Amino acid sequence: MQPGPAPEFSFPIEIAQIPPAGAHYAIAASPGERARVAARLGVTSIGRLDATVDVKPGAGGVIRVAGRIGADLVQSCVVSLAPVPATIDEQIEASFVEEGRHDQRRDAEDVALDDEEPPEIVQDGRIDLGELTVAQLALVLDPYPRAPGVSFDAAQWSAPAGKDSPFAALAALKKRKQT
């Protein structure tokens, strides 16, 4: 199996090195990492991207990660393309289990809708807290950012239906076919 592309922001931790009482991590992306993450997520820029998380081993080999991610970023307005600044401060929770240690007795039919998500399978004995931060940021981004005071009024943004309009040309073609 060929490895995927390198993550834009990476902070791997070795599962074997996590103390039984757990560990606390505070991570922050460098300017270059933030630029690469911005390109990946399709945002204009990211001025800050960080996370503070507690990582703790649990029953059955499950590793729990809980904490907060934060970011200051700029997206483009979906209507006007004007810059839309945003500040993200979100709580995150995730669980992981090493490959081969997950409970193979549970299959998809046994999972009830109200069950928590099954843990992510970890390969190579590492959890990448940087990649987890980026993935969680992607989940909370506004998919349709709008600049303050901007609304979508079709008449405001549509081209005039004059002679040079492509719609005028289509209407004329339709008229010719009907005659």
C-alpha atoms as a PDB file:
ATOM      1  CA  MET A   1       0.000   0.000   0.000  1.00  0.00           C
ATOM      2  CA  GLN A   2       1.365   3.366  -1.026  1.00  0.00           C
ATOM      3  CA  PRO A   3       1.465   6.042   1.701  1.00  0.00           C
ATOM      4  CA  GLY A   4      -0.795   9.065   1.277  1.00  0.00           C
ATOM      5  CA  PRO A   5       0.423  12.632   1.006  1.00  0.00           C
ATOM      6  CA  ALA A   6       2.203  14.084   4.019  1.00  0.00           C
ATOM      7  CA  PRO A   7      -0.123  16.049   6.308  1.00  0.00           C
ATOM      8  CA  GLU A   8       0.112  19.824   6.122  1.00  0.00           C
ATOM      9  CA  PHE A   9       0.261  20.095   9.926  1.00  0.00           C
ATOM     10  CA  SER A  10       1.688  17.085  11.717  1.00  0.00           C
ATOM     11  CA  PHE A  11       2.318  16.350  15.386  1.00  0.00           C
ATOM     12  CA  PRO A  12       2.516  12.563  15.779  1.00  0.00           C
ATOM     13  CA  ILE A  13       2.639  10.967  19.212  1.00  0.00           C
ATOM     14  CA  GLU A  14       3.618   7.388  19.944  1.00  0.00           C
ATOM     15  CA  ILE A  15       0.855   5.444  21.703  1.00  0.00           C
ATOM     16  CA  ALA A  16       3.457   3.382  23.573  1.00  0.00           C
ATOM     17  CA  GLN A  17       4.888   6.605  25.080  1.00  0.00           C
ATOM     18  CA  ILE A  18       1.592   7.819  26.605  1.00  0.00           C
ATOM     19  CA  PRO A  19       1.819   7.500  30.407  1.00  0.00           C
ATOM     20  CA  PRO A  20      -0.975   5.541  32.150  1.00  0.00           C
ATOM     21  CA  ALA A  21      -2.214   8.794  33.739  1.00  0.00           C
ATOM     22  CA  GLY A  22      -2.309  10.448  30.314  1.00  0.00           C
ATOM     23  CA  ALA A  23      -0.494  13.423  28.805  1.00  0.00           C
ATOM     24  CA  HIS A  24      -1.295  17.032  27.943  1.00  0.00           C
ATOM     25  CA  TYR A  25      -0.252  18.556  24.617  1.00  0.00           C
ATOM     26  CA  ALA A  26      -0.341  22.153  23.384  1.00  0.00           C
ATOM     27  CA  ILE A  27       0.459  22.421  19.681  1.00  0.00           C
ATOM     28  CA  ALA A  28       0.502  25.286  17.186  1.00  0.00           C
ATOM     29  CA  ALA A  29       0.975  25.329  13.424  1.00  0.00           C
ATOM     30  CA  SER A  30       3.867  27.282  11.931  1.00  0.00           C
ATOM     31  CA  PRO A  31       3.224  29.949   9.258  1.00  0.00           C
ATOM     32  CA  GLY A  32       4.156  27.483   6.496  1.00  0.00           C
ATOM     33  CA  GLU A  33       1.892  24.796   7.930  1.00  0.00           C
ATOM     34  CA  ARG A  34      -0.983  27.280   8.219  1.00  0.00           C
ATOM     35  CA  ALA A  35      -0.537  28.292   4.570  1.00  0.00           C
ATOM     36  CA  ARG A  36      -0.638  24.640   3.475  1.00  0.00           C
ATOM     37  CA  VAL A  37      -3.712  23.937   5.629  1.00  0.00           C
ATOM     38  CA  ALA A  38      -5.446  27.028   4.176  1.00  0.00           C
ATOM     39  CA  ALA A  39      -4.814  25.728   0.658  1.00  0.00           C
ATOM     40  CA  ARG A  40      -6.112  22.262   1.597  1.00  0.00           C
ATOM     41  CA  LEU A  41      -9.296  23.630   3.170  1.00  0.00           C
ATOM     42  CA  GLY A  42      -9.917  26.263   0.503  1.00  0.00           C
ATOM     43  CA  VAL A  43      -9.778  29.253   2.848  1.00  0.00           C
ATOM     44  CA  THR A  44      -8.026  32.525   2.063  1.00  0.00           C
ATOM     45  CA  SER A  45      -5.652  32.461   5.044  1.00  0.00           C
ATOM     46  CA  ILE A  46      -5.147  31.088   8.537  1.00  0.00           C
ATOM     47  CA  GLY A  47      -3.500  33.438  11.032  1.00  0.00           C
ATOM     48  CA  ARG A  48      -3.559  31.017  13.968  1.00  0.00           C
ATOM     49  CA  LEU A  49      -4.146  27.290  14.298  1.00  0.00           C
ATOM     50  CA  ASP A  50      -3.588  25.540  17.613  1.00  0.00           C
ATOM     51  CA  ALA A  51      -4.899  22.852  19.914  1.00  0.00           C
ATOM     52  CA  THR A  52      -4.647  21.878  23.549  1.00  0.00           C
ATOM     53  CA  VAL A  53      -5.583  18.275  24.212  1.00  0.00           C
ATOM     54  CA  ASP A  54      -5.392  15.616  26.879  1.00  0.00           C
ATOM     55  CA  VAL A  55      -4.569  12.122  25.666  1.00  0.00           C
ATOM     56  CA  LYS A  56      -5.402   9.268  28.005  1.00  0.00           C
ATOM     57  CA  PRO A  57      -5.345   5.487  27.649  1.00  0.00           C
ATOM     58  CA  GLY A  58      -8.592   3.758  28.545  1.00  0.00           C
ATOM     59  CA  ALA A  59     -10.173   0.344  28.837  1.00  0.00           C
ATOM     60  CA  GLY A  60      -9.752  -2.106  25.984  1.00  0.00           C
ATOM     61  CA  GLY A  61      -6.765  -0.262  24.542  1.00  0.00           C
ATOM     62  CA  VAL A  62      -8.866   2.755  23.574  1.00  0.00           C
ATOM     63  CA  ILE A  63      -6.989   6.072  23.598  1.00  0.00           C
ATOM     64  CA  ARG A  64      -9.200   9.099  24.302  1.00  0.00           C
ATOM     65  CA  VAL A  65      -8.311  12.577  23.058  1.00  0.00           C
ATOM     66  CA  ALA A  66     -10.226  15.580  24.418  1.00  0.00           C
ATOM     67  CA  GLY A  67      -9.526  19.292  24.303  1.00  0.00           C
ATOM     68  CA  ARG A  68      -9.980  22.411  22.204  1.00  0.00           C
ATOM     69  CA  ILE A  69      -8.915  23.632  18.796  1.00  0.00           C
ATOM     70  CA  GLY A  70      -8.593  27.283  17.919  1.00  0.00           C
ATOM     71  CA  ALA A  71      -8.073  29.194  14.688  1.00  0.00           C
ATOM     72  CA  ASP A  72      -8.226  32.689  13.271  1.00  0.00           C
ATOM     73  CA  LEU A  73      -8.895  32.522   9.555  1.00  0.00           C
ATOM     74  CA  VAL A  74     -10.324  34.314   6.556  1.00  0.00           C
ATOM     75  CA  GLN A  75     -12.746  32.786   4.068  1.00  0.00           C
ATOM     76  CA  SER A  76     -14.219  34.293   0.902  1.00  0.00           C
ATOM     77  CA  CYS A  77     -17.865  35.372   0.882  1.00  0.00           C
ATOM     78  CA  VAL A  78     -19.867  33.022  -1.351  1.00  0.00           C
ATOM     79  CA  VAL A  79     -21.774  35.954  -2.821  1.00  0.00           C
ATOM     80  CA  SER A  80     -19.336  38.860  -3.135  1.00  0.00           C
ATOM     81  CA  LEU A  81     -15.940  37.144  -2.623  1.00  0.00           C
ATOM     82  CA  ALA A  82     -15.207  39.731   0.077  1.00  0.00           C
ATOM     83  CA  PRO A  83     -13.005  38.512   2.937  1.00  0.00           C
ATOM     84  CA  VAL A  84     -14.933  37.000   5.864  1.00  0.00           C
ATOM     85  CA  PRO A  85     -12.860  36.705   9.053  1.00  0.00           C
ATOM     86  CA  ALA A  86     -13.732  33.941  11.505  1.00  0.00           C
ATOM     87  CA  THR A  87     -12.519  32.807  14.902  1.00  0.00           C
ATOM     88  CA  ILE A  88     -12.870  29.129  15.776  1.00  0.00           C
ATOM     89  CA  ASP A  89     -12.857  27.854  19.355  1.00  0.00           C
ATOM     90  CA  GLU A  90     -14.249  24.338  19.448  1.00  0.00           C
ATOM     91  CA  GLN A  91     -14.179  21.452  21.852  1.00  0.00           C
ATOM     92  CA  ILE A  92     -13.009  18.171  20.334  1.00  0.00           C
ATOM     93  CA  GLU A  93     -13.256  14.555  21.386  1.00  0.00           C
ATOM     94  CA  ALA A  94     -11.942  11.532  19.561  1.00  0.00           C
ATOM     95  CA  SER A  95     -11.016   7.972  20.367  1.00  0.00           C
ATOM     96  CA  PHE A  96      -8.463   5.674  18.808  1.00  0.00           C
ATOM     97  CA  VAL A  97      -7.463   2.037  19.128  1.00  0.00           C
ATOM     98  CA  GLU A  98      -4.400   0.269  17.796  1.00  0.00           C
ATOM     99  CA  GLU A  99      -4.844  -1.966  14.801  1.00  0.00           C
ATOM    100  CA  GLY A 100      -5.618  -5.504  15.965  1.00  0.00           C
ATOM    101  CA  ARG A 101      -6.899  -4.387  19.388  1.00  0.00           C
ATOM    102  CA  HIS A 102     -10.367  -3.266  18.326  1.00  0.00           C
ATOM    103  CA  ASP A 103     -13.336  -5.432  19.253  1.00  0.00           C
ATOM    104  CA  GLN A 104     -13.942  -7.589  16.211  1.00  0.00           C
ATOM    105  CA  ARG A 105     -17.118  -9.080  17.682  1.00  0.00           C
ATOM    106  CA  ARG A 106     -19.142  -5.936  16.951  1.00  0.00           C
ATOM    107  CA  ASP A 107     -20.275  -5.655  13.398  1.00  0.00           C
ATOM    108  CA  ALA A 108     -22.355  -2.975  11.721  1.00  0.00           C
ATOM    109  CA  GLU A 109     -25.660  -4.633  12.644  1.00  0.00           C
ATOM    110  CA  ASP A 110     -24.862  -4.462  16.364  1.00  0.00           C
ATOM    111  CA  VAL A 111     -24.266  -0.708  16.426  1.00  0.00           C
ATOM    112  CA  ALA A 112     -27.304   1.237  17.589  1.00  0.00           C
ATOM    113  CA  LEU A 113     -27.920   4.751  16.316  1.00  0.00           C
ATOM    114  CA  ASP A 114     -27.340   6.233  19.765  1.00  0.00           C
ATOM    115  CA  ASP A 115     -23.982   4.439  20.274  1.00  0.00           C
ATOM    116  CA  GLU A 116     -20.893   6.610  20.244  1.00  0.00           C
ATOM    117  CA  GLU A 117     -18.745   6.423  17.149  1.00  0.00           C
ATOM    118  CA  PRO A 118     -16.352   3.509  17.131  1.00  0.00           C
ATOM    119  CA  PRO A 119     -12.704   4.437  17.686  1.00  0.00           C
ATOM    120  CA  GLU A 120     -10.476   5.223  14.719  1.00  0.00           C
ATOM    121  CA  ILE A 121      -8.017   2.451  13.945  1.00  0.00           C
ATOM    122  CA  VAL A 122      -4.415   3.566  14.466  1.00  0.00           C
ATOM    123  CA  GLN A 123      -1.713   2.139  12.260  1.00  0.00           C
ATOM    124  CA  ASP A 124       2.017   2.315  12.984  1.00  0.00           C
ATOM    125  CA  GLY A 125       1.358   3.015  16.674  1.00  0.00           C
ATOM    126  CA  ARG A 126       0.949   6.793  16.239  1.00  0.00           C
ATOM    127  CA  ILE A 127      -1.815   9.363  16.554  1.00  0.00           C
ATOM    128  CA  ASP A 128      -1.232  12.582  14.611  1.00  0.00           C
ATOM    129  CA  LEU A 129      -2.633  15.406  16.741  1.00  0.00           C
ATOM    130  CA  GLY A 130      -1.900  17.949  13.991  1.00  0.00           C
ATOM    131  CA  GLU A 131      -3.942  16.027  11.430  1.00  0.00           C
ATOM    132  CA  LEU A 132      -6.718  15.560  13.998  1.00  0.00           C
ATOM    133  CA  THR A 133      -6.739  19.350  14.536  1.00  0.00           C
ATOM    134  CA  VAL A 134      -7.033  20.004  10.783  1.00  0.00           C
ATOM    135  CA  ALA A 135      -9.779  17.394  10.358  1.00  0.00           C
ATOM    136  CA  GLN A 136     -11.798  18.888  13.212  1.00  0.00           C
ATOM    137  CA  LEU A 137     -11.301  22.409  11.809  1.00  0.00           C
ATOM    138  CA  ALA A 138     -12.614  21.242   8.439  1.00  0.00           C
ATOM    139  CA  LEU A 139     -15.770  19.964  10.140  1.00  0.00           C
ATOM    140  CA  VAL A 140     -16.599  23.300  11.796  1.00  0.00           C
ATOM    141  CA  LEU A 141     -15.834  25.688   8.921  1.00  0.00           C
ATOM    142  CA  ASP A 142     -18.791  27.659   7.618  1.00  0.00           C
ATOM    143  CA  PRO A 143     -19.517  26.064   4.225  1.00  0.00           C
ATOM    144  CA  TYR A 144     -21.243  29.249   2.959  1.00  0.00           C
ATOM    145  CA  PRO A 145     -19.542  32.253   4.556  1.00  0.00           C
ATOM    146  CA  ARG A 146     -21.161  35.611   3.875  1.00  0.00           C
ATOM    147  CA  ALA A 147     -19.773  39.068   4.429  1.00  0.00           C
ATOM    148  CA  PRO A 148     -21.855  41.232   6.789  1.00  0.00           C
ATOM    149  CA  GLY A 149     -24.818  42.846   5.023  1.00  0.00           C
ATOM    150  CA  VAL A 150     -24.478  40.745   1.866  1.00  0.00           C
ATOM    151  CA  SER A 151     -27.496  38.841   0.656  1.00  0.00           C
ATOM    152  CA  PHE A 152     -28.120  36.906  -2.491  1.00  0.00           C
ATOM    153  CA  ASP A 153     -30.610  38.787  -4.619  1.00  0.00           C
ATOM    154  CA  ALA A 154     -30.714  37.153  -8.045  1.00  0.00           C
ATOM    155  CA  ALA A 155     -31.627  40.425  -9.770  1.00  0.00           C
ATOM    156  CA  GLN A 156     -28.645  42.155  -8.160  1.00  0.00           C
ATOM    157  CA  TRP A 157     -26.145  39.576  -9.411  1.00  0.00           C
ATOM    158  CA  SER A 158     -27.611  38.432 -12.739  1.00  0.00           C
ATOM    159  CA  ALA A 159     -26.540  39.778 -16.099  1.00  0.00           C
ATOM    160  CA  PRO A 160     -28.994  42.002 -17.975  1.00  0.00           C
ATOM    161  CA  ALA A 161     -31.105  40.101 -20.476  1.00  0.00           C
ATOM    162  CA  GLY A 162     -30.154  42.366 -23.379  1.00  0.00           C
ATOM    163  CA  LYS A 163     -29.095  41.428 -26.893  1.00  0.00           C
ATOM    164  CA  ASP A 164     -25.636  40.261 -25.740  1.00  0.00           C
ATOM    165  CA  SER A 165     -26.986  37.965 -23.046  1.00  0.00           C
ATOM    166  CA  PRO A 166     -26.476  34.228 -23.612  1.00  0.00           C
ATOM    167  CA  PHE A 167     -30.068  33.795 -22.461  1.00  0.00           C
ATOM    168  CA  ALA A 168     -31.262  36.165 -25.172  1.00  0.00           C
ATOM    169  CA  ALA A 169     -29.400  34.044 -27.724  1.00  0.00           C
ATOM    170  CA  LEU A 170     -31.043  30.878 -26.377  1.00  0.00           C
ATOM    171  CA  ALA A 171     -34.475  32.506 -26.454  1.00  0.00           C
ATOM    172  CA  ALA A 172     -33.945  33.543 -30.094  1.00  0.00           C
ATOM    173  CA  LEU A 173     -32.827  30.018 -31.002  1.00  0.00           C
ATOM    174  CA  LYS A 174     -35.904  28.566 -29.307  1.00  0.00           C
ATOM    175  CA  LYS A 175     -38.160  30.992 -31.225  1.00  0.00           C
ATOM    176  CA  ARG A 176     -36.580  30.007 -34.547  1.00  0.00           C
ATOM    177  CA  LYS A 177     -37.140  26.289 -33.823  1.00  0.00           C
ATOM    178  CA  GLN A 178     -40.806  26.895 -32.999  1.00  0.00           C
ATOM    179  CA  THR A 179     -41.482  28.618 -36.332  1.00  0.00           C
END
